[in-house]
C-alpha cells in the first residue's frame, strides 16, 4: 500500500483509490451519491481531503454488512466536515444500525431453518410453505391471492 507523506493534505482520486482499495469508478459513484466529497482544481481534477480515506473505509464496511447507501449517506452527513472521524463517531453511527442488523440476522436465520425443512419437498404451497408465505397472519382465515 503506497504511503502518502504527512505534508500532503489532499489526495488525487488515484491516491485515494490506491490507499482505500476502492476502484476509481467506485469513488466517483460514492461522490455522486453524496458519500464523499472533493474539490476541483483549476484543471478540473478531483482532490479529496485525507479524512476521505476513513469515510471510504466506513462506506465499504457498511456495504459489506448490507446497510443501504441511503442510510450510509445519512450517517455520514452527521459527521463533522474536514475532520477525521473518531472512534466515538463511528461507534455512535454503527450503534444506530445494530437493531436493523439484528432483525436481518433473525430473518435470515428463520429463512435458513425453513429452507432446511423444505429441501426435497417441492410443495411451495401458498397455504403452508414458510418460504412462499412467511409469517402468514391471514393464512388461517383465507388462502391464495384473494387478499
C-alpha atoms as a PDB file:
ATOM      1  CA  UNK A   1       0.000   0.000   0.000  1.00  0.00           C
ATOM      2  CA  UNK A   2       1.517   3.307  -1.039  1.00  0.00           C
ATOM      3  CA  UNK A   3       2.296   5.716   1.758  1.00  0.00           C
ATOM      4  CA  UNK A   4       1.279   9.329   1.443  1.00  0.00           C
ATOM      5  CA  UNK A   5       3.581  11.868   3.089  1.00  0.00           C
ATOM      6  CA  UNK A   6       2.146  13.645   6.139  1.00  0.00           C
ATOM      7  CA  UNK A   7       2.584  17.042   4.496  1.00  0.00           C
ATOM      8  CA  UNK A   8       0.164  16.062   1.706  1.00  0.00           C
ATOM      9  CA  UNK A   9      -3.281  17.178   2.842  1.00  0.00           C
ATOM     10  CA  UNK A  10      -5.214  16.391  -0.315  1.00  0.00           C
ATOM     11  CA  UNK A  11      -5.307  13.196  -2.324  1.00  0.00           C
ATOM     12  CA  UNK A  12      -5.872  12.621  -6.002  1.00  0.00           C
ATOM     13  CA  UNK A  13      -8.527  10.105  -6.972  1.00  0.00           C
ATOM     14  CA  UNK A  14      -5.718   7.681  -7.865  1.00  0.00           C
ATOM     15  CA  UNK A  15      -4.077   8.067  -4.459  1.00  0.00           C
ATOM     16  CA  UNK A  16      -7.410   7.632  -2.689  1.00  0.00           C
ATOM     17  CA  UNK A  17      -8.110   4.539  -4.770  1.00  0.00           C
ATOM     18  CA  UNK A  18      -4.697   3.016  -4.084  1.00  0.00           C
ATOM     19  CA  UNK A  19      -4.904   3.671  -0.340  1.00  0.00           C
ATOM     20  CA  UNK A  20      -8.543   2.655   0.153  1.00  0.00           C
ATOM     21  CA  UNK A  21      -8.653  -0.318  -2.208  1.00  0.00           C
ATOM     22  CA  UNK A  22     -11.773   1.098  -3.869  1.00  0.00           C
ATOM     23  CA  UNK A  23     -11.814   1.411  -7.634  1.00  0.00           C
ATOM     24  CA  UNK A  24     -11.728   4.910  -9.098  1.00  0.00           C
ATOM     25  CA  UNK A  25     -15.184   4.280 -10.578  1.00  0.00           C
ATOM     26  CA  UNK A  26     -16.468   3.343  -7.092  1.00  0.00           C
ATOM     27  CA  UNK A  27     -15.069   6.585  -5.681  1.00  0.00           C
ATOM     28  CA  UNK A  28     -16.812   8.570  -8.412  1.00  0.00           C
ATOM     29  CA  UNK A  29     -20.023   6.674  -7.629  1.00  0.00           C
ATOM     30  CA  UNK A  30     -19.664   7.366  -3.890  1.00  0.00           C
ATOM     31  CA  UNK A  31     -19.188  11.035  -4.667  1.00  0.00           C
ATOM     32  CA  UNK A  32     -22.237  11.121  -6.949  1.00  0.00           C
ATOM     33  CA  UNK A  33     -24.290   9.641  -4.092  1.00  0.00           C
ATOM     34  CA  UNK A  34     -23.025  12.192  -1.570  1.00  0.00           C
ATOM     35  CA  UNK A  35     -20.969   9.709   0.468  1.00  0.00           C
ATOM     36  CA  UNK A  36     -17.679  11.547  -0.045  1.00  0.00           C
ATOM     37  CA  UNK A  37     -16.831  14.935  -1.481  1.00  0.00           C
ATOM     38  CA  UNK A  38     -13.993  16.545  -3.343  1.00  0.00           C
ATOM     39  CA  UNK A  39     -12.966  19.926  -4.564  1.00  0.00           C
ATOM     40  CA  UNK A  40     -11.916  20.619  -8.136  1.00  0.00           C
ATOM     41  CA  UNK A  41      -8.579  22.119  -9.120  1.00  0.00           C
ATOM     42  CA  UNK A  42      -8.279  24.769 -11.803  1.00  0.00           C
ATOM     43  CA  UNK A  43      -7.610  21.858 -14.188  1.00  0.00           C
ATOM     44  CA  UNK A  44     -10.904  20.228 -13.072  1.00  0.00           C
ATOM     45  CA  UNK A  45      -9.162  17.392 -11.226  1.00  0.00           C
ATOM     46  CA  UNK A  46     -10.683  15.985  -8.050  1.00  0.00           C
ATOM     47  CA  UNK A  47      -8.893  16.482  -4.745  1.00  0.00           C
ATOM     48  CA  UNK A  48     -10.007  14.702  -1.568  1.00  0.00           C
ATOM     49  CA  UNK A  49      -9.109  15.603   1.983  1.00  0.00           C
ATOM     50  CA  UNK A  50      -7.360  12.878   3.985  1.00  0.00           C
ATOM     51  CA  UNK A  51     -10.497  12.138   6.010  1.00  0.00           C
ATOM     52  CA  UNK A  52     -11.991  10.671   2.810  1.00  0.00           C
ATOM     53  CA  UNK A  53      -9.884   7.556   3.490  1.00  0.00           C
ATOM     54  CA  UNK A  54     -11.813   6.817   6.693  1.00  0.00           C
ATOM     55  CA  UNK A  55     -15.113   7.681   5.063  1.00  0.00           C
ATOM     56  CA  UNK A  56     -14.466   5.264   2.203  1.00  0.00           C
ATOM     57  CA  UNK A  57     -13.457   2.554   4.686  1.00  0.00           C
ATOM     58  CA  UNK A  58     -16.697   3.169   6.587  1.00  0.00           C
ATOM     59  CA  UNK A  59     -18.808   3.028   3.407  1.00  0.00           C
ATOM     60  CA  UNK A  60     -17.217  -0.226   2.308  1.00  0.00           C
ATOM     61  CA  UNK A  61     -17.602  -1.837   5.741  1.00  0.00           C
ATOM     62  CA  UNK A  62     -21.246  -0.762   5.956  1.00  0.00           C
ATOM     63  CA  UNK A  63     -21.931  -2.090   2.456  1.00  0.00           C
ATOM     64  CA  UNK A  64     -20.401  -5.466   3.365  1.00  0.00           C
ATOM     65  CA  UNK A  65     -22.980  -5.923   6.123  1.00  0.00           C
ATOM     66  CA  UNK A  66     -25.813  -4.831   3.852  1.00  0.00           C
ATOM     67  CA  UNK A  67     -26.516  -1.284   5.009  1.00  0.00           C
ATOM     68  CA  UNK A  68     -28.310   0.629   2.211  1.00  0.00           C
ATOM     69  CA  UNK A  69     -26.405   3.535   0.669  1.00  0.00           C
ATOM     70  CA  UNK A  70     -29.114   5.996   1.724  1.00  0.00           C
ATOM     71  CA  UNK A  71     -28.598   5.001   5.372  1.00  0.00           C
ATOM     72  CA  UNK A  72     -24.832   5.283   4.971  1.00  0.00           C
ATOM     73  CA  UNK A  73     -25.202   8.758   3.435  1.00  0.00           C
ATOM     74  CA  UNK A  74     -27.475   9.889   6.281  1.00  0.00           C
ATOM     75  CA  UNK A  75     -24.971   8.631   8.840  1.00  0.00           C
ATOM     76  CA  UNK A  76     -22.018  10.308   7.141  1.00  0.00           C
ATOM     77  CA  UNK A  77     -23.952  13.579   6.947  1.00  0.00           C
ATOM     78  CA  UNK A  78     -23.929  13.663  10.757  1.00  0.00           C
ATOM     79  CA  UNK A  79     -20.132  13.534  10.871  1.00  0.00           C
ATOM     80  CA  UNK A  80     -18.036  16.671  11.138  1.00  0.00           C
ATOM     81  CA  UNK A  81     -16.595  18.014   7.903  1.00  0.00           C
ATOM     82  CA  UNK A  82     -12.868  18.431   7.409  1.00  0.00           C
ATOM     83  CA  UNK A  83     -12.023  16.259  10.425  1.00  0.00           C
ATOM     84  CA  UNK A  84     -11.079  12.628  10.502  1.00  0.00           C
ATOM     85  CA  UNK A  85     -13.923  10.876  12.313  1.00  0.00           C
ATOM     86  CA  UNK A  86     -13.033   9.492  15.722  1.00  0.00           C
ATOM     87  CA  UNK A  87     -13.675   6.075  17.216  1.00  0.00           C
ATOM     88  CA  UNK A  88     -16.587   7.595  19.153  1.00  0.00           C
ATOM     89  CA  UNK A  89     -18.104   8.948  15.921  1.00  0.00           C
ATOM     90  CA  UNK A  90     -18.012   5.517  14.326  1.00  0.00           C
ATOM     91  CA  UNK A  91     -19.347   3.786  17.444  1.00  0.00           C
ATOM     92  CA  UNK A  92     -22.322   6.148  17.573  1.00  0.00           C
ATOM     93  CA  UNK A  93     -23.129   5.620  13.892  1.00  0.00           C
ATOM     94  CA  UNK A  94     -22.765   1.854  13.941  1.00  0.00           C
ATOM     95  CA  UNK A  95     -24.910   1.550  17.080  1.00  0.00           C
ATOM     96  CA  UNK A  96     -27.823   3.022  15.162  1.00  0.00           C
ATOM     97  CA  UNK A  97     -27.640   0.070  12.747  1.00  0.00           C
ATOM     98  CA  UNK A  98     -27.410  -2.662  15.372  1.00  0.00           C
ATOM     99  CA  UNK A  99     -31.191  -3.220  15.657  1.00  0.00           C
ATOM    100  CA  UNK A 100     -31.599  -3.330  11.881  1.00  0.00           C
ATOM    101  CA  UNK A 101     -28.777  -5.853  11.563  1.00  0.00           C
ATOM    102  CA  UNK A 102     -30.186  -7.965  14.412  1.00  0.00           C
ATOM    103  CA  UNK A 103     -33.565  -8.072  12.641  1.00  0.00           C
ATOM    104  CA  UNK A 104     -31.927  -9.042   9.358  1.00  0.00           C
ATOM    105  CA  UNK A 105     -29.938 -11.813  11.070  1.00  0.00           C
ATOM    106  CA  UNK A 106     -33.118 -13.106  12.670  1.00  0.00           C
ATOM    107  CA  UNK A 107     -34.968 -13.144   9.318  1.00  0.00           C
ATOM    108  CA  UNK A 108     -32.066 -14.901   7.610  1.00  0.00           C
ATOM    109  CA  UNK A 109     -31.851 -17.487  10.385  1.00  0.00           C
ATOM    110  CA  UNK A 110     -35.574 -18.238  10.053  1.00  0.00           C
ATOM    111  CA  UNK A 111     -35.195 -18.482   6.285  1.00  0.00           C
ATOM    112  CA  UNK A 112     -32.251 -20.864   6.675  1.00  0.00           C
ATOM    113  CA  UNK A 113     -34.177 -23.038   9.122  1.00  0.00           C
ATOM    114  CA  UNK A 114     -37.257 -23.223   6.898  1.00  0.00           C
ATOM    115  CA  UNK A 115     -35.134 -23.829   3.831  1.00  0.00           C
ATOM    116  CA  UNK A 116     -33.692 -26.916   5.509  1.00  0.00           C
ATOM    117  CA  UNK A 117     -37.233 -28.115   6.224  1.00  0.00           C
ATOM    118  CA  UNK A 118     -38.332 -27.516   2.624  1.00  0.00           C
ATOM    119  CA  UNK A 119     -35.449 -29.117   0.746  1.00  0.00           C
ATOM    120  CA  UNK A 120     -36.833 -32.007  -1.232  1.00  0.00           C
ATOM    121  CA  UNK A 121     -40.458 -31.101  -0.513  1.00  0.00           C
ATOM    122  CA  UNK A 122     -41.084 -29.056  -3.641  1.00  0.00           C
ATOM    123  CA  UNK A 123     -44.573 -28.064  -2.498  1.00  0.00           C
ATOM    124  CA  UNK A 124     -44.200 -24.271  -2.417  1.00  0.00           C
ATOM    125  CA  UNK A 125     -47.788 -24.225  -1.228  1.00  0.00           C
ATOM    126  CA  UNK A 126     -49.200 -20.747  -0.772  1.00  0.00           C
ATOM    127  CA  UNK A 127     -51.128 -22.122   2.198  1.00  0.00           C
ATOM    128  CA  UNK A 128     -48.370 -23.792   4.193  1.00  0.00           C
ATOM    129  CA  UNK A 129     -44.930 -23.054   2.728  1.00  0.00           C
ATOM    130  CA  UNK A 130     -42.808 -20.975   5.094  1.00  0.00           C
ATOM    131  CA  UNK A 131     -40.705 -19.720   2.186  1.00  0.00           C
ATOM    132  CA  UNK A 132     -43.531 -18.587  -0.088  1.00  0.00           C
ATOM    133  CA  UNK A 133     -45.757 -17.380   2.727  1.00  0.00           C
ATOM    134  CA  UNK A 134     -43.573 -16.292   5.691  1.00  0.00           C
ATOM    135  CA  UNK A 135     -45.237 -15.056   8.874  1.00  0.00           C
ATOM    136  CA  UNK A 136     -48.670 -15.501   7.310  1.00  0.00           C
ATOM    137  CA  UNK A 137     -51.162 -13.719   9.546  1.00  0.00           C
ATOM    138  CA  UNK A 138     -54.236 -14.393   7.390  1.00  0.00           C
ATOM    139  CA  UNK A 139     -53.491 -17.957   6.295  1.00  0.00           C
ATOM    140  CA  UNK A 140     -55.812 -19.497   8.856  1.00  0.00           C
ATOM    141  CA  UNK A 141     -58.752 -17.454   7.529  1.00  0.00           C
ATOM    142  CA  UNK A 142     -58.138 -17.315   3.753  1.00  0.00           C
ATOM    143  CA  UNK A 143     -55.671 -18.733   1.257  1.00  0.00           C
ATOM    144  CA  UNK A 144     -54.220 -17.639  -2.066  1.00  0.00           C
ATOM    145  CA  UNK A 145     -54.305 -14.213  -3.632  1.00  0.00           C
ATOM    146  CA  UNK A 146     -57.840 -13.271  -2.577  1.00  0.00           C
ATOM    147  CA  UNK A 147     -56.477 -10.850  -0.022  1.00  0.00           C
END
